[in-house]
N, C-alpha and C. Protein backbone atom coordinates (compact mmCIF):
# COMPACT_ATOMS: atom_id res chain seq x y z
N MET A 1 171.87 227.96 151.20
CA MET A 1 171.14 228.68 151.36
C MET A 1 170.95 230.42 151.17
N SER A 2 172.10 229.94 152.29
CA SER A 2 172.39 232.03 152.36
C SER A 2 172.89 232.39 151.75
N SER A 3 173.58 231.49 150.37
CA SER A 3 174.18 232.25 149.20
C SER A 3 172.72 232.65 148.36
N LEU A 4 171.64 231.94 148.38
CA LEU A 4 170.81 232.29 147.61
C LEU A 4 169.53 233.87 148.12
N ARG A 5 169.35 233.92 149.50
CA ARG A 5 169.55 234.60 150.23
C ARG A 5 170.18 236.35 149.66
N LEU A 6 171.85 235.94 149.49
CA LEU A 6 171.84 237.24 148.89
C LEU A 6 171.92 237.56 147.42
N LEU A 7 172.12 236.53 146.73
CA LEU A 7 171.59 237.12 145.23
C LEU A 7 170.44 237.71 145.02
N LEU A 8 169.60 236.67 145.23
CA LEU A 8 168.07 237.60 145.10
C LEU A 8 167.87 239.08 145.06
N PRO A 9 168.33 239.95 146.33
CA PRO A 9 168.70 241.07 146.27
C PRO A 9 169.34 241.55 145.45
N ALA A 10 170.65 241.07 145.19
CA ALA A 10 171.25 241.56 145.06
C ALA A 10 171.35 241.01 142.88
N ILE A 11 171.00 240.79 143.01
CA ILE A 11 170.65 240.62 141.03
C ILE A 11 169.56 242.01 140.47
N PRO A 12 168.43 242.22 141.28
CA PRO A 12 167.87 243.23 141.09
C PRO A 12 168.83 245.25 141.11
N PHE A 13 169.96 244.78 142.08
CA PHE A 13 170.32 245.73 141.81
C PHE A 13 171.64 245.71 141.16
N ALA A 14 171.86 244.90 140.73
CA ALA A 14 173.22 244.69 139.62
C ALA A 14 172.44 245.14 138.17
N ALA A 15 171.72 244.80 138.65
CA ALA A 15 170.57 245.23 137.01
C ALA A 15 170.04 246.71 136.84
N LEU A 16 169.90 246.67 137.81
CA LEU A 16 169.74 248.72 137.59
C LEU A 16 170.53 249.91 138.00
N SER A 17 171.93 248.61 138.57
CA SER A 17 172.73 250.03 138.65
C SER A 17 173.56 249.80 137.81
N ILE A 18 174.73 248.30 138.00
CA ILE A 18 175.69 248.43 136.51
C ILE A 18 175.12 247.53 135.33
N ALA A 19 174.73 247.43 135.04
CA ALA A 19 173.86 246.81 133.77
C ALA A 19 173.24 247.99 132.88
N VAL A 20 172.71 249.06 133.23
CA VAL A 20 172.30 250.42 132.54
C VAL A 20 173.42 250.75 132.02
N PRO A 21 174.39 251.40 132.54
CA PRO A 21 175.58 251.85 131.04
C PRO A 21 175.97 250.80 129.86
N LEU A 22 175.51 249.81 130.80
CA LEU A 22 175.31 248.29 129.01
C LEU A 22 174.49 248.23 128.44
N VAL A 23 173.11 248.53 129.07
CA VAL A 23 172.45 247.91 127.80
C VAL A 23 171.72 249.59 127.61
N ASN A 24 172.81 251.06 127.56
CA ASN A 24 172.53 252.15 126.86
C ASN A 24 172.65 252.10 125.28
N ARG A 25 171.26 252.47 124.86
CA ARG A 25 170.93 252.54 124.11
C ARG A 25 169.78 252.75 123.38
N ILE A 26 169.91 252.94 122.25
CA ILE A 26 168.04 253.48 121.58
C ILE A 26 167.63 252.36 121.14
N GLU A 27 168.38 251.62 120.43
CA GLU A 27 167.42 250.60 119.16
C GLU A 27 168.06 249.43 119.75
N PRO A 28 167.04 248.35 119.87
CA PRO A 28 165.72 247.93 119.57
C PRO A 28 165.10 248.67 121.08
N ARG A 29 163.80 249.21 119.95
CA ARG A 29 162.17 249.67 120.36
C ARG A 29 161.51 248.59 121.63
N ILE A 30 161.09 248.76 122.97
CA ILE A 30 160.36 247.51 122.38
C ILE A 30 159.67 248.88 122.87
N LEU A 31 157.92 247.91 122.85
CA LEU A 31 156.66 249.00 122.72
C LEU A 31 157.02 250.64 122.61
N GLY A 32 157.63 250.78 121.72
CA GLY A 32 157.89 251.79 121.28
C GLY A 32 158.75 253.19 122.37
N LEU A 33 159.37 252.02 123.89
CA LEU A 33 160.32 252.05 124.18
C LEU A 33 161.77 251.98 124.13
N PRO A 34 162.54 253.63 124.24
CA PRO A 34 163.98 252.94 123.78
C PRO A 34 164.45 251.72 124.89
N PHE A 35 165.65 251.16 123.91
CA PHE A 35 165.81 250.07 125.39
C PHE A 35 166.04 250.13 127.04
N VAL A 36 166.87 250.70 126.93
CA VAL A 36 167.39 251.08 128.03
C VAL A 36 165.88 251.54 128.80
N LEU A 37 164.99 252.89 128.80
CA LEU A 37 163.86 252.54 128.81
C LEU A 37 163.45 251.60 129.41
N ALA A 38 162.46 250.23 128.56
CA ALA A 38 162.30 249.30 128.68
C ALA A 38 162.82 248.04 129.75
N TRP A 39 164.09 248.56 129.85
CA TRP A 39 165.21 247.43 131.18
C TRP A 39 165.31 248.39 131.80
N ILE A 40 164.65 249.66 132.47
CA ILE A 40 164.57 249.17 133.76
C ILE A 40 163.46 250.11 134.35
N SER A 41 162.57 250.08 133.87
CA SER A 41 160.97 249.82 133.83
C SER A 41 160.61 248.11 133.99
N ALA A 42 161.33 247.38 132.86
CA ALA A 42 161.09 245.55 133.19
C ALA A 42 161.98 245.28 135.00
N TRP A 43 163.03 245.89 134.96
CA TRP A 43 163.40 245.42 136.69
C TRP A 43 162.82 246.20 137.62
N VAL A 44 162.18 247.42 137.11
CA VAL A 44 161.27 248.18 138.44
C VAL A 44 160.35 246.78 138.72
N VAL A 45 159.41 246.56 137.90
CA VAL A 45 158.39 245.75 138.05
C VAL A 45 158.92 244.46 138.23
N LEU A 46 159.81 243.83 138.06
CA LEU A 46 160.40 242.68 138.34
C LEU A 46 161.33 242.43 139.69
N THR A 47 161.30 243.44 140.44
CA THR A 47 162.17 243.77 141.36
C THR A 47 161.45 243.32 143.26
N PRO A 48 160.41 243.42 142.75
CA PRO A 48 159.58 243.12 143.75
C PRO A 48 158.81 241.81 143.60
N ALA A 49 159.42 241.09 142.47
CA ALA A 49 158.86 239.49 142.85
C ALA A 49 159.88 239.41 143.51
N PHE A 50 161.42 239.27 143.13
CA PHE A 50 162.53 239.01 143.61
C PHE A 50 162.56 239.46 145.21
N LEU A 51 162.11 240.24 145.64
CA LEU A 51 161.69 240.30 147.22
C LEU A 51 161.14 239.78 148.01
N TRP A 52 159.47 239.69 147.20
CA TRP A 52 158.93 237.89 147.30
C TRP A 52 159.23 237.28 147.53
N THR A 53 160.16 236.57 146.37
CA THR A 53 161.06 235.17 146.62
C THR A 53 162.10 235.02 148.09
N LEU A 54 162.27 235.90 147.83
CA LEU A 54 162.79 235.61 149.48
C LEU A 54 163.14 236.46 150.84
N GLY A 55 160.93 236.83 150.98
CA GLY A 55 160.71 236.97 152.23
C GLY A 55 159.69 235.43 152.87
N ARG A 56 159.04 234.99 151.27
CA ARG A 56 158.67 233.54 151.07
C ARG A 56 160.03 232.60 151.86
N LEU A 57 161.28 233.12 150.97
CA LEU A 57 162.47 231.70 151.83
C LEU A 57 162.47 232.07 153.20
N GLU A 58 162.54 233.79 153.94
CA GLU A 58 162.77 233.42 155.09
C GLU A 58 161.85 233.09 156.48
N LYS A 59 160.41 232.56 155.34
CA LYS A 59 160.01 232.71 156.25
C LYS A 59 159.93 230.36 156.55
N ARG A 60 160.01 230.30 155.69
CA ARG A 60 160.63 228.82 156.13
C ARG A 60 161.96 228.60 157.16
N TRP A 61 163.03 229.46 157.06
CA TRP A 61 164.38 228.96 157.36
C TRP A 61 163.74 229.42 159.64
């Protein structure tokens, strides 16, 4: 389970720092936003869910 504790916070970090140059495009538009802006917004919203899950797992150990 320790690998899961390292993986959960690494996923949003990778999505917001490493993957942004890979998804840096305007099309397709999602809800009128360029794709890269929708990508960043989605990960800003999803990151607390990852960290909440990590916190729940930490309480069990």
